[in-house]
């Protein structure tokens, strides 16, 4: 177990890698609703930049009533005066946050958001940026910055890539919260379950991925995001090249042999 701290004595980020290769990051600022302060963003970025080679799946969870309430408004308000370099500080903060959100996409390991409580603004963005997301039934999701006079511009990037345009725009323009059931229906979550079943459900999904060939999982995640933003012909070219390279791996040969021989495969890259 490793810990990252800020000015307080308490760790703000906990990390743990289990024997199955599930690497768990736990936001640990419950009194601040796990807000994404500068220190929290630095800790998260550092954790992803230095992932153990044995990590197969990353799970992001949180302690307390909220999963993540977005950016630290106290910290942001303290740097809101232009004459004191506030605008540059804000630019640097959002650049830091955007870099972290993109790292979630760029690392080869699938990332699962394990949502136990409220996720709003950049917290909702964090859920949207994870590859997979499971939440407790009572959770709510929103991008409510507009209620403070601040349009959730950076969260809109991830939100509009998960939800339909009209649903994303509705959330961004009204600041209204949606339920976990709506979040599943609208495409923000994969699934919602009873709170007491959340641990088991996330572990089931994470372990299911850990059982797959690592070369197939990493190939798949990389290709999935690359092809999304490409025109159809370029997307198919990327996909075809990825499959051809993937086909040359020892794991594919083993997987096909195991299929014909009606046995479980023994992955070399597991």
C-alpha atoms as a PDB file:
ATOM      1  CA  UNK A   1       0.000   0.000   0.000  1.00  0.00           C
ATOM      2  CA  UNK A   2       1.419   3.384  -0.967  1.00  0.00           C
ATOM      3  CA  UNK A   3       0.221   6.812   0.063  1.00  0.00           C
ATOM      4  CA  UNK A   4       0.300  10.352  -1.353  1.00  0.00           C
ATOM      5  CA  UNK A   5      -0.171  13.285   1.025  1.00  0.00           C
ATOM      6  CA  UNK A   6      -0.902  17.005   0.816  1.00  0.00           C
ATOM      7  CA  UNK A   7      -0.555  19.658   3.513  1.00  0.00           C
ATOM      8  CA  UNK A   8      -2.643  17.626   5.955  1.00  0.00           C
ATOM      9  CA  UNK A   9      -1.381  14.587   7.801  1.00  0.00           C
ATOM     10  CA  UNK A  10      -3.863  12.297   6.075  1.00  0.00           C
ATOM     11  CA  UNK A  11      -3.085  10.494   2.806  1.00  0.00           C
ATOM     12  CA  UNK A  12      -5.141  11.896  -0.058  1.00  0.00           C
ATOM     13  CA  UNK A  13      -4.576   8.947  -2.392  1.00  0.00           C
ATOM     14  CA  UNK A  14      -4.162   5.289  -1.515  1.00  0.00           C
ATOM     15  CA  UNK A  15      -2.957   2.611  -3.903  1.00  0.00           C
ATOM     16  CA  UNK A  16      -2.894  -1.158  -3.806  1.00  0.00           C
ATOM     17  CA  UNK A  17      -1.936  -3.909  -6.257  1.00  0.00           C
ATOM     18  CA  UNK A  18      -3.394  -7.354  -5.522  1.00  0.00           C
ATOM     19  CA  UNK A  19      -2.182 -10.760  -6.660  1.00  0.00           C
ATOM     20  CA  UNK A  20      -4.590 -10.807  -9.608  1.00  0.00           C
ATOM     21  CA  UNK A  21      -3.099  -7.630 -11.080  1.00  0.00           C
ATOM     22  CA  UNK A  22      -5.904  -5.270 -10.026  1.00  0.00           C
ATOM     23  CA  UNK A  23      -4.406  -1.896  -9.150  1.00  0.00           C
ATOM     24  CA  UNK A  24      -6.756   0.186  -7.004  1.00  0.00           C
ATOM     25  CA  UNK A  25      -6.486   3.934  -6.498  1.00  0.00           C
ATOM     26  CA  UNK A  26      -8.607   5.297  -3.665  1.00  0.00           C
ATOM     27  CA  UNK A  27      -9.450   9.001  -3.422  1.00  0.00           C
ATOM     28  CA  UNK A  28      -9.159   9.794   0.273  1.00  0.00           C
ATOM     29  CA  UNK A  29     -10.387  13.350   0.893  1.00  0.00           C
ATOM     30  CA  UNK A  30     -13.850  12.446   2.221  1.00  0.00           C
ATOM     31  CA  UNK A  31     -14.288  15.697   4.170  1.00  0.00           C
ATOM     32  CA  UNK A  32     -13.681  17.618   0.925  1.00  0.00           C
ATOM     33  CA  UNK A  33     -15.891  15.232  -1.081  1.00  0.00           C
ATOM     34  CA  UNK A  34     -12.720  13.946  -2.792  1.00  0.00           C
ATOM     35  CA  UNK A  35     -12.290  17.170  -4.749  1.00  0.00           C
ATOM     36  CA  UNK A  36      -9.580  17.212  -7.399  1.00  0.00           C
ATOM     37  CA  UNK A  37      -7.133  19.640  -5.839  1.00  0.00           C
ATOM     38  CA  UNK A  38      -3.743  20.313  -7.411  1.00  0.00           C
ATOM     39  CA  UNK A  39      -2.230  17.853  -4.968  1.00  0.00           C
ATOM     40  CA  UNK A  40      -4.797  15.171  -5.817  1.00  0.00           C
ATOM     41  CA  UNK A  41      -4.258  15.583  -9.549  1.00  0.00           C
ATOM     42  CA  UNK A  42      -0.483  15.375  -9.053  1.00  0.00           C
ATOM     43  CA  UNK A  43      -0.876  12.227  -6.969  1.00  0.00           C
ATOM     44  CA  UNK A  44      -3.170  10.584  -9.528  1.00  0.00           C
ATOM     45  CA  UNK A  45      -0.884  11.486 -12.425  1.00  0.00           C
ATOM     46  CA  UNK A  46       2.151  10.169 -10.575  1.00  0.00           C
ATOM     47  CA  UNK A  47       0.372   6.904  -9.819  1.00  0.00           C
ATOM     48  CA  UNK A  48      -0.512   6.340 -13.471  1.00  0.00           C
ATOM     49  CA  UNK A  49       2.926   7.401 -14.703  1.00  0.00           C
ATOM     50  CA  UNK A  50       4.530   4.812 -12.444  1.00  0.00           C
ATOM     51  CA  UNK A  51       2.198   1.852 -12.763  1.00  0.00           C
ATOM     52  CA  UNK A  52       3.669  -1.447 -11.684  1.00  0.00           C
ATOM     53  CA  UNK A  53       4.340  -3.738 -14.646  1.00  0.00           C
ATOM     54  CA  UNK A  54       2.120  -6.359 -12.997  1.00  0.00           C
ATOM     55  CA  UNK A  55      -0.949  -4.097 -13.094  1.00  0.00           C
ATOM     56  CA  UNK A  56      -3.559  -5.530 -15.460  1.00  0.00           C
ATOM     57  CA  UNK A  57      -6.614  -3.416 -14.577  1.00  0.00           C
ATOM     58  CA  UNK A  58      -6.903  -0.073 -12.771  1.00  0.00           C
ATOM     59  CA  UNK A  59      -9.849   0.598 -10.450  1.00  0.00           C
ATOM     60  CA  UNK A  60     -10.565   4.140  -9.234  1.00  0.00           C
ATOM     61  CA  UNK A  61     -12.684   4.316  -6.094  1.00  0.00           C
ATOM     62  CA  UNK A  62     -13.252   6.776  -3.248  1.00  0.00           C
ATOM     63  CA  UNK A  63     -13.939   6.949   0.467  1.00  0.00           C
ATOM     64  CA  UNK A  64     -16.797   8.861   2.027  1.00  0.00           C
ATOM     65  CA  UNK A  65     -20.213   9.988   0.843  1.00  0.00           C
ATOM     66  CA  UNK A  66     -19.009  11.404  -2.483  1.00  0.00           C
ATOM     67  CA  UNK A  67     -17.036   9.753  -5.263  1.00  0.00           C
ATOM     68  CA  UNK A  68     -15.725  13.110  -6.444  1.00  0.00           C
ATOM     69  CA  UNK A  69     -17.288  16.584  -6.313  1.00  0.00           C
ATOM     70  CA  UNK A  70     -15.081  17.978  -9.071  1.00  0.00           C
ATOM     71  CA  UNK A  71     -12.368  20.589  -8.701  1.00  0.00           C
ATOM     72  CA  UNK A  72     -11.584  22.124  -5.322  1.00  0.00           C
ATOM     73  CA  UNK A  73     -13.692  25.305  -5.395  1.00  0.00           C
ATOM     74  CA  UNK A  74     -11.911  26.797  -2.371  1.00  0.00           C
ATOM     75  CA  UNK A  75      -8.582  26.406  -4.143  1.00  0.00           C
ATOM     76  CA  UNK A  76      -9.966  27.768  -7.421  1.00  0.00           C
ATOM     77  CA  UNK A  77     -11.601  30.778  -5.743  1.00  0.00           C
ATOM     78  CA  UNK A  78      -8.317  31.642  -4.032  1.00  0.00           C
ATOM     79  CA  UNK A  79      -6.750  32.055  -7.480  1.00  0.00           C
ATOM     80  CA  UNK A  80      -9.573  33.954  -9.186  1.00  0.00           C
ATOM     81  CA  UNK A  81      -7.975  37.425  -9.286  1.00  0.00           C
ATOM     82  CA  UNK A  82      -6.420  38.369 -12.618  1.00  0.00           C
ATOM     83  CA  UNK A  83      -3.965  40.850 -11.109  1.00  0.00           C
ATOM     84  CA  UNK A  84      -2.396  38.056  -9.064  1.00  0.00           C
ATOM     85  CA  UNK A  85      -1.833  35.730 -11.984  1.00  0.00           C
ATOM     86  CA  UNK A  86      -5.109  33.937 -11.443  1.00  0.00           C
ATOM     87  CA  UNK A  87      -5.887  33.234 -15.081  1.00  0.00           C
ATOM     88  CA  UNK A  88      -2.543  31.521 -15.669  1.00  0.00           C
ATOM     89  CA  UNK A  89      -3.014  29.456 -12.508  1.00  0.00           C
ATOM     90  CA  UNK A  90      -6.440  28.373 -13.770  1.00  0.00           C
ATOM     91  CA  UNK A  91      -5.003  27.485 -17.184  1.00  0.00           C
ATOM     92  CA  UNK A  92      -2.280  25.416 -15.535  1.00  0.00           C
ATOM     93  CA  UNK A  93      -4.841  23.631 -13.344  1.00  0.00           C
ATOM     94  CA  UNK A  94      -7.067  22.645 -16.257  1.00  0.00           C
ATOM     95  CA  UNK A  95      -4.041  21.616 -18.322  1.00  0.00           C
ATOM     96  CA  UNK A  96      -2.984  19.368 -15.445  1.00  0.00           C
ATOM     97  CA  UNK A  97      -6.478  17.892 -15.169  1.00  0.00           C
ATOM     98  CA  UNK A  98      -6.824  17.398 -18.917  1.00  0.00           C
ATOM     99  CA  UNK A  99      -3.447  15.651 -18.998  1.00  0.00           C
ATOM    100  CA  UNK A 100      -4.576  13.233 -16.296  1.00  0.00           C
ATOM    101  CA  UNK A 101      -7.888  12.545 -18.061  1.00  0.00           C
ATOM    102  CA  UNK A 102      -6.032  11.761 -21.285  1.00  0.00           C
ATOM    103  CA  UNK A 103      -3.609   9.504 -19.435  1.00  0.00           C
ATOM    104  CA  UNK A 104      -6.588   7.389 -18.354  1.00  0.00           C
ATOM    105  CA  UNK A 105      -7.231   6.772 -22.046  1.00  0.00           C
ATOM    106  CA  UNK A 106      -3.595   6.390 -23.077  1.00  0.00           C
ATOM    107  CA  UNK A 107      -2.464   3.759 -20.572  1.00  0.00           C
ATOM    108  CA  UNK A 108      -2.847   0.205 -21.894  1.00  0.00           C
ATOM    109  CA  UNK A 109      -4.691  -1.061 -18.813  1.00  0.00           C
ATOM    110  CA  UNK A 110      -8.500  -0.824 -18.772  1.00  0.00           C
ATOM    111  CA  UNK A 111      -9.692   1.622 -16.093  1.00  0.00           C
ATOM    112  CA  UNK A 112     -12.870   1.004 -14.094  1.00  0.00           C
ATOM    113  CA  UNK A 113     -14.647   3.715 -12.107  1.00  0.00           C
ATOM    114  CA  UNK A 114     -16.139   2.246  -8.929  1.00  0.00           C
ATOM    115  CA  UNK A 115     -18.663   4.888  -7.905  1.00  0.00           C
ATOM    116  CA  UNK A 116     -20.081   4.727  -4.395  1.00  0.00           C
ATOM    117  CA  UNK A 117     -21.425   8.301  -4.138  1.00  0.00           C
ATOM    118  CA  UNK A 118     -22.052  11.652  -5.787  1.00  0.00           C
ATOM    119  CA  UNK A 119     -20.049  12.462  -8.926  1.00  0.00           C
ATOM    120  CA  UNK A 120     -20.336  16.008 -10.170  1.00  0.00           C
ATOM    121  CA  UNK A 121     -18.473  18.396 -12.508  1.00  0.00           C
ATOM    122  CA  UNK A 122     -14.907  17.066 -12.952  1.00  0.00           C
ATOM    123  CA  UNK A 123     -15.970  14.079 -10.845  1.00  0.00           C
ATOM    124  CA  UNK A 124     -18.562  13.225 -13.474  1.00  0.00           C
ATOM    125  CA  UNK A 125     -15.840  13.841 -16.067  1.00  0.00           C
ATOM    126  CA  UNK A 126     -13.648  11.314 -14.260  1.00  0.00           C
ATOM    127  CA  UNK A 127     -16.386   8.680 -14.475  1.00  0.00           C
ATOM    128  CA  UNK A 128     -16.894   9.442 -18.175  1.00  0.00           C
ATOM    129  CA  UNK A 129     -13.166   9.246 -18.892  1.00  0.00           C
ATOM    130  CA  UNK A 130     -12.774   5.778 -17.372  1.00  0.00           C
ATOM    131  CA  UNK A 131     -13.134   2.913 -19.842  1.00  0.00           C
ATOM    132  CA  UNK A 132     -15.793   1.226 -17.708  1.00  0.00           C
ATOM    133  CA  UNK A 133     -17.955   2.398 -14.811  1.00  0.00           C
ATOM    134  CA  UNK A 134     -20.142   0.692 -12.221  1.00  0.00           C
ATOM    135  CA  UNK A 135     -22.039   2.597  -9.530  1.00  0.00           C
ATOM    136  CA  UNK A 136     -24.227   2.021  -6.523  1.00  0.00           C
ATOM    137  CA  UNK A 137     -27.929   2.511  -7.237  1.00  0.00           C
ATOM    138  CA  UNK A 138     -28.299   5.631  -5.086  1.00  0.00           C
ATOM    139  CA  UNK A 139     -25.506   7.593  -6.819  1.00  0.00           C
ATOM    140  CA  UNK A 140     -26.249  10.777  -8.726  1.00  0.00           C
ATOM    141  CA  UNK A 141     -24.320  12.405 -11.537  1.00  0.00           C
ATOM    142  CA  UNK A 142     -24.226  15.994 -12.735  1.00  0.00           C
ATOM    143  CA  UNK A 143     -22.215  18.820 -14.267  1.00  0.00           C
ATOM    144  CA  UNK A 144     -23.561  21.664 -12.194  1.00  0.00           C
ATOM    145  CA  UNK A 145     -20.941  24.335 -12.794  1.00  0.00           C
ATOM    146  CA  UNK A 146     -23.433  26.356 -14.792  1.00  0.00           C
ATOM    147  CA  UNK A 147     -25.345  26.985 -11.549  1.00  0.00           C
ATOM    148  CA  UNK A 148     -22.247  28.872 -10.338  1.00  0.00           C
ATOM    149  CA  UNK A 149     -21.859  30.823 -13.568  1.00  0.00           C
ATOM    150  CA  UNK A 150     -19.109  28.461 -14.732  1.00  0.00           C
ATOM    151  CA  UNK A 151     -19.828  26.259 -17.746  1.00  0.00           C
ATOM    152  CA  UNK A 152     -18.274  22.802 -17.287  1.00  0.00           C
ATOM    153  CA  UNK A 153     -16.162  23.101 -20.425  1.00  0.00           C
ATOM    154  CA  UNK A 154     -13.602  20.384 -19.756  1.00  0.00           C
ATOM    155  CA  UNK A 155     -16.180  17.892 -18.425  1.00  0.00           C
ATOM    156  CA  UNK A 156     -18.161  18.514 -21.617  1.00  0.00           C
ATOM    157  CA  UNK A 157     -15.389  16.862 -23.641  1.00  0.00           C
ATOM    158  CA  UNK A 158     -15.740  13.490 -21.912  1.00  0.00           C
ATOM    159  CA  UNK A 159     -19.491  13.770 -21.423  1.00  0.00           C
ATOM    160  CA  UNK A 160     -20.198  14.452 -25.105  1.00  0.00           C
ATOM    161  CA  UNK A 161     -18.124  11.404 -26.035  1.00  0.00           C
ATOM    162  CA  UNK A 162     -20.178   9.091 -23.807  1.00  0.00           C
ATOM    163  CA  UNK A 163     -23.735  10.385 -24.040  1.00  0.00           C
ATOM    164  CA  UNK A 164     -25.774  11.473 -27.016  1.00  0.00           C
ATOM    165  CA  UNK A 165     -25.237  15.152 -27.861  1.00  0.00           C
ATOM    166  CA  UNK A 166     -28.653  16.250 -26.717  1.00  0.00           C
ATOM    167  CA  UNK A 167     -28.460  14.442 -23.388  1.00  0.00           C
ATOM    168  CA  UNK A 168     -24.962  15.740 -22.713  1.00  0.00           C
ATOM    169  CA  UNK A 169     -26.020  19.268 -23.628  1.00  0.00           C
ATOM    170  CA  UNK A 170     -29.074  19.017 -21.398  1.00  0.00           C
ATOM    171  CA  UNK A 171     -26.931  18.064 -18.404  1.00  0.00           C
ATOM    172  CA  UNK A 172     -24.410  20.810 -19.142  1.00  0.00           C
ATOM    173  CA  UNK A 173     -27.021  23.538 -19.644  1.00  0.00           C
ATOM    174  CA  UNK A 174     -29.356  22.723 -16.764  1.00  0.00           C
ATOM    175  CA  UNK A 175     -26.936  21.479 -14.100  1.00  0.00           C
ATOM    176  CA  UNK A 176     -29.560  18.879 -13.220  1.00  0.00           C
ATOM    177  CA  UNK A 177     -28.474  15.593 -11.691  1.00  0.00           C
ATOM    178  CA  UNK A 178     -29.376  12.228 -13.153  1.00  0.00           C
ATOM    179  CA  UNK A 179     -29.831   8.972 -11.252  1.00  0.00           C
ATOM    180  CA  UNK A 180     -27.627   5.924 -11.599  1.00  0.00           C
ATOM    181  CA  UNK A 181     -30.390   4.220 -13.589  1.00  0.00           C
ATOM    182  CA  UNK A 182     -30.513   7.162 -15.998  1.00  0.00           C
ATOM    183  CA  UNK A 183     -26.717   7.159 -16.201  1.00  0.00           C
ATOM    184  CA  UNK A 184     -26.829   3.542 -17.384  1.00  0.00           C
ATOM    185  CA  UNK A 185     -29.562   4.326 -19.897  1.00  0.00           C
ATOM    186  CA  UNK A 186     -27.752   7.423 -21.169  1.00  0.00           C
ATOM    187  CA  UNK A 187     -24.378   5.687 -21.571  1.00  0.00           C
ATOM    188  CA  UNK A 188     -22.371   7.112 -18.672  1.00  0.00           C
ATOM    189  CA  UNK A 189     -22.339   3.833 -16.713  1.00  0.00           C
ATOM    190  CA  UNK A 190     -22.101   0.183 -17.662  1.00  0.00           C
ATOM    191  CA  UNK A 191     -24.175  -0.933 -14.711  1.00  0.00           C
ATOM    192  CA  UNK A 192     -25.629   0.102 -11.359  1.00  0.00           C
ATOM    193  CA  UNK A 193     -26.092  -2.271  -8.450  1.00  0.00           C
ATOM    194  CA  UNK A 194     -27.081  -2.253  -4.793  1.00  0.00           C
ATOM    195  CA  UNK A 195     -24.452  -0.560  -2.646  1.00  0.00           C
ATOM    196  CA  UNK A 196     -23.622  -3.780  -0.814  1.00  0.00           C
ATOM    197  CA  UNK A 197     -22.981  -5.521  -4.143  1.00  0.00           C
ATOM    198  CA  UNK A 198     -20.655  -2.856  -5.585  1.00  0.00           C
ATOM    199  CA  UNK A 199     -17.389  -4.416  -4.416  1.00  0.00           C
ATOM    200  CA  UNK A 200     -18.280  -7.844  -5.773  1.00  0.00           C
ATOM    201  CA  UNK A 201     -19.528  -6.485  -9.098  1.00  0.00           C
ATOM    202  CA  UNK A 202     -16.394  -4.452  -9.755  1.00  0.00           C
ATOM    203  CA  UNK A 203     -14.143  -7.324  -8.691  1.00  0.00           C
ATOM    204  CA  UNK A 204     -16.022  -9.663 -11.011  1.00  0.00           C
ATOM    205  CA  UNK A 205     -15.508  -7.347 -13.979  1.00  0.00           C
ATOM    206  CA  UNK A 206     -11.865  -6.617 -13.146  1.00  0.00           C
ATOM    207  CA  UNK A 207     -11.038 -10.286 -12.673  1.00  0.00           C
ATOM    208  CA  UNK A 208     -12.799 -11.181 -15.901  1.00  0.00           C
ATOM    209  CA  UNK A 209     -10.486  -8.812 -17.770  1.00  0.00           C
ATOM    210  CA  UNK A 210      -7.438 -10.080 -15.876  1.00  0.00           C
ATOM    211  CA  UNK A 211      -8.192 -13.592 -17.164  1.00  0.00           C
ATOM    212  CA  UNK A 212      -7.801 -12.474 -20.770  1.00  0.00           C
ATOM    213  CA  UNK A 213      -4.594 -12.366 -22.779  1.00  0.00           C
ATOM    214  CA  UNK A 214      -2.726  -9.173 -21.919  1.00  0.00           C
ATOM    215  CA  UNK A 215      -1.646  -8.655 -25.511  1.00  0.00           C
ATOM    216  CA  UNK A 216      -5.285  -8.806 -26.646  1.00  0.00           C
ATOM    217  CA  UNK A 217      -6.463  -6.388 -23.946  1.00  0.00           C
ATOM    218  CA  UNK A 218      -3.762  -3.792 -24.576  1.00  0.00           C
ATOM    219  CA  UNK A 219      -4.124  -4.103 -28.354  1.00  0.00           C
ATOM    220  CA  UNK A 220      -7.862  -3.690 -27.998  1.00  0.00           C
ATOM    221  CA  UNK A 221      -7.819  -0.614 -25.774  1.00  0.00           C
ATOM    222  CA  UNK A 222      -5.250   1.181 -27.921  1.00  0.00           C
ATOM    223  CA  UNK A 223      -7.124   0.450 -31.154  1.00  0.00           C
ATOM    224  CA  UNK A 224     -10.540   1.253 -29.691  1.00  0.00           C
ATOM    225  CA  UNK A 225      -9.710   4.882 -28.973  1.00  0.00           C
ATOM    226  CA  UNK A 226      -7.548   5.471 -32.037  1.00  0.00           C
ATOM    227  CA  UNK A 227     -10.240   4.382 -34.483  1.00  0.00           C
ATOM    228  CA  UNK A 228     -13.059   6.322 -32.797  1.00  0.00           C
ATOM    229  CA  UNK A 229     -11.907   9.690 -34.100  1.00  0.00           C
ATOM    230  CA  UNK A 230     -11.005   8.484 -37.597  1.00  0.00           C
ATOM    231  CA  UNK A 231     -13.077   8.448 -40.808  1.00  0.00           C
ATOM    232  CA  UNK A 232     -14.509   5.012 -41.584  1.00  0.00           C
ATOM    233  CA  UNK A 233     -11.846   3.997 -44.129  1.00  0.00           C
ATOM    234  CA  UNK A 234      -8.979   5.025 -41.833  1.00  0.00           C
ATOM    235  CA  UNK A 235     -10.623   3.293 -38.882  1.00  0.00           C
ATOM    236  CA  UNK A 236     -10.829   0.014 -40.791  1.00  0.00           C
ATOM    237  CA  UNK A 237      -7.223   0.360 -41.938  1.00  0.00           C
ATOM    238  CA  UNK A 238      -6.083   0.843 -38.340  1.00  0.00           C
ATOM    239  CA  UNK A 239      -8.236  -2.071 -37.188  1.00  0.00           C
ATOM    240  CA  UNK A 240      -6.975  -4.382 -39.907  1.00  0.00           C
ATOM    241  CA  UNK A 241      -3.353  -3.590 -39.121  1.00  0.00           C
ATOM    242  CA  UNK A 242      -3.986  -4.120 -35.420  1.00  0.00           C
ATOM    243  CA  UNK A 243      -5.576  -7.517 -36.041  1.00  0.00           C
ATOM    244  CA  UNK A 244      -2.729  -8.600 -38.325  1.00  0.00           C
ATOM    245  CA  UNK A 245      -0.137  -7.719 -35.682  1.00  0.00           C
ATOM    246  CA  UNK A 246      -2.236  -9.283 -32.933  1.00  0.00           C
ATOM    247  CA  UNK A 247      -2.574 -12.469 -34.980  1.00  0.00           C
ATOM    248  CA  UNK A 248       1.210 -12.954 -34.895  1.00  0.00           C
ATOM    249  CA  UNK A 249       1.329 -13.158 -31.098  1.00  0.00           C
ATOM    250  CA  UNK A 250       1.934 -16.420 -29.255  1.00  0.00           C
ATOM    251  CA  UNK A 251      -1.268 -15.905 -27.283  1.00  0.00           C
ATOM    252  CA  UNK A 252      -3.444 -15.986 -30.383  1.00  0.00           C
ATOM    253  CA  UNK A 253      -1.830 -19.214 -31.528  1.00  0.00           C
ATOM    254  CA  UNK A 254      -2.424 -20.676 -28.064  1.00  0.00           C
ATOM    255  CA  UNK A 255      -5.994 -19.378 -27.989  1.00  0.00           C
ATOM    256  CA  UNK A 256      -6.881 -20.956 -31.328  1.00  0.00           C
ATOM    257  CA  UNK A 257      -5.199 -24.247 -30.414  1.00  0.00           C
ATOM    258  CA  UNK A 258      -7.085 -24.307 -27.102  1.00  0.00           C
ATOM    259  CA  UNK A 259     -10.367 -23.652 -28.914  1.00  0.00           C
ATOM    260  CA  UNK A 260      -9.825 -26.592 -31.273  1.00  0.00           C
ATOM    261  CA  UNK A 261      -8.662 -28.825 -28.440  1.00  0.00           C
ATOM    262  CA  UNK A 262     -11.624 -27.815 -26.236  1.00  0.00           C
ATOM    263  CA  UNK A 263      -9.515 -26.677 -23.276  1.00  0.00           C
ATOM    264  CA  UNK A 264      -8.763 -23.474 -21.416  1.00  0.00           C
ATOM    265  CA  UNK A 265      -5.913 -21.426 -22.957  1.00  0.00           C
ATOM    266  CA  UNK A 266      -2.659 -20.935 -21.073  1.00  0.00           C
ATOM    267  CA  UNK A 267      -1.684 -17.347 -21.883  1.00  0.00           C
ATOM    268  CA  UNK A 268       1.981 -16.488 -22.210  1.00  0.00           C
ATOM    269  CA  UNK A 269       1.250 -12.757 -21.793  1.00  0.00           C
ATOM    270  CA  UNK A 270      -0.967 -12.924 -18.731  1.00  0.00           C
END
